[in-house]
Amino acid sequence: METVSLQMTFPKDMVPYLSDTERLFERNAMILFPLIRNMTLSHGRAAEILGVSKRELIEFYNAMGIPYLNQSRDELLSELETYDRLKGA
């Protein structure tokens, strides 16, 4: 993964936490999450940027309490029924 350095402004008390290279993936994944949530980036593209598989990124977010699917089972079944009806299955 190619990297670049950027000059950014943060509250002074955040610096020790931003400098923790052991948590680099976690930090970067959390920076990208708002872009996934507002649909600027897909999970797949975010995973490419981070150099991991989509599955690994989804599992990371799930471990952080951020589910990949936020629908109830009934909502998902309803969507699948609509899909089947539209596809003529």
Protein backbone atom coordinates (compact mmCIF):
# COMPACT_ATOMS: atom_id res chain seq x y z
CA MET A 1 0.00 0.00 0.00
CA GLU A 2 1.44 3.33 -1.05
CA THR A 3 1.31 6.03 1.62
CA VAL A 4 1.64 9.81 1.73
CA SER A 5 2.14 12.27 4.54
CA LEU A 6 -0.40 15.01 5.15
CA GLN A 7 -0.32 17.92 7.50
CA MET A 8 -3.50 17.84 9.58
CA THR A 9 -4.74 19.67 12.63
CA PHE A 10 -5.86 17.72 15.70
CA PRO A 11 -6.44 18.58 19.33
CA LYS A 12 -3.08 18.38 21.10
CA ASP A 13 -4.29 15.69 23.52
CA MET A 14 -5.02 13.35 20.57
CA VAL A 15 -1.39 13.20 19.40
CA PRO A 16 -0.30 10.25 21.57
CA TYR A 17 -3.19 8.18 20.24
CA LEU A 18 -2.60 9.10 16.61
CA SER A 19 1.06 8.14 16.85
CA ASP A 20 0.31 4.54 17.89
CA THR A 21 1.48 2.57 14.83
CA GLU A 22 0.13 -0.69 16.27
CA ARG A 23 -3.39 0.68 15.83
CA LEU A 24 -2.82 2.18 12.39
CA PHE A 25 -5.35 -0.07 10.64
CA GLU A 26 -7.99 0.61 13.28
CA ARG A 27 -7.48 4.37 13.03
CA ASN A 28 -7.60 4.40 9.24
CA ALA A 29 -10.64 2.12 9.08
CA MET A 30 -12.49 4.40 11.47
CA ILE A 31 -11.52 7.46 9.43
CA LEU A 32 -13.04 5.79 6.36
CA PHE A 33 -16.22 4.59 8.07
CA PRO A 34 -18.20 7.86 7.74
CA LEU A 35 -17.49 7.74 4.00
CA ILE A 36 -18.91 4.21 3.87
CA ARG A 37 -21.94 5.22 5.92
CA ASN A 38 -22.78 8.15 3.63
CA MET A 39 -22.11 5.95 0.57
CA THR A 40 -19.14 7.94 -0.73
CA LEU A 41 -17.11 4.69 -0.54
CA SER A 42 -18.18 1.07 -0.67
CA HIS A 43 -16.87 -1.47 1.81
CA GLY A 44 -14.96 -3.05 -1.07
CA ARG A 45 -13.22 0.19 -2.07
CA ALA A 46 -12.40 1.03 1.54
CA ALA A 47 -10.89 -2.44 1.95
CA GLU A 48 -8.76 -1.88 -1.18
CA ILE A 49 -7.52 1.43 0.22
CA LEU A 50 -6.64 -0.26 3.52
CA GLY A 51 -4.99 -3.25 1.84
CA VAL A 52 -7.30 -5.90 3.30
CA SER A 53 -10.14 -8.04 1.96
CA LYS A 54 -13.70 -6.78 2.10
CA ARG A 55 -14.49 -9.63 4.46
CA GLU A 56 -11.70 -8.60 6.86
CA LEU A 57 -12.96 -5.03 6.91
CA ILE A 58 -16.57 -6.12 7.49
CA GLU A 59 -15.41 -8.40 10.33
CA PHE A 60 -13.40 -5.53 11.86
CA TYR A 61 -16.40 -3.19 11.81
CA ASN A 62 -18.62 -5.96 13.20
CA ALA A 63 -16.17 -6.45 16.09
CA MET A 64 -16.44 -2.69 16.71
CA GLY A 65 -20.24 -3.04 16.94
CA ILE A 66 -20.92 -1.71 13.44
CA PRO A 67 -22.94 -4.34 11.56
CA TYR A 68 -22.62 -4.76 7.79
CA LEU A 69 -26.35 -5.38 7.46
CA ASN A 70 -28.52 -3.17 9.62
CA GLN A 71 -31.84 -4.63 8.57
CA SER A 72 -34.03 -6.89 10.59
CA ARG A 73 -34.52 -10.45 9.35
CA ASP A 74 -38.06 -9.57 8.24
CA GLU A 75 -36.82 -6.55 6.25
CA LEU A 76 -34.17 -8.69 4.57
CA LEU A 77 -36.69 -11.42 3.71
CA SER A 78 -39.01 -8.79 2.24
CA GLU A 79 -36.18 -7.44 0.07
CA LEU A 80 -35.32 -10.96 -1.09
CA GLU A 81 -38.96 -11.56 -2.02
CA THR A 82 -38.93 -8.33 -4.05
CA TYR A 83 -35.70 -9.38 -5.72
CA ASP A 84 -37.13 -12.79 -6.62
CA ARG A 85 -40.33 -11.21 -7.96
CA LEU A 86 -38.39 -8.71 -10.12
CA LYS A 87 -36.05 -11.41 -11.45
CA GLY A 88 -38.95 -13.76 -12.14
CA ALA A 89 -37.49 -16.49 -9.98
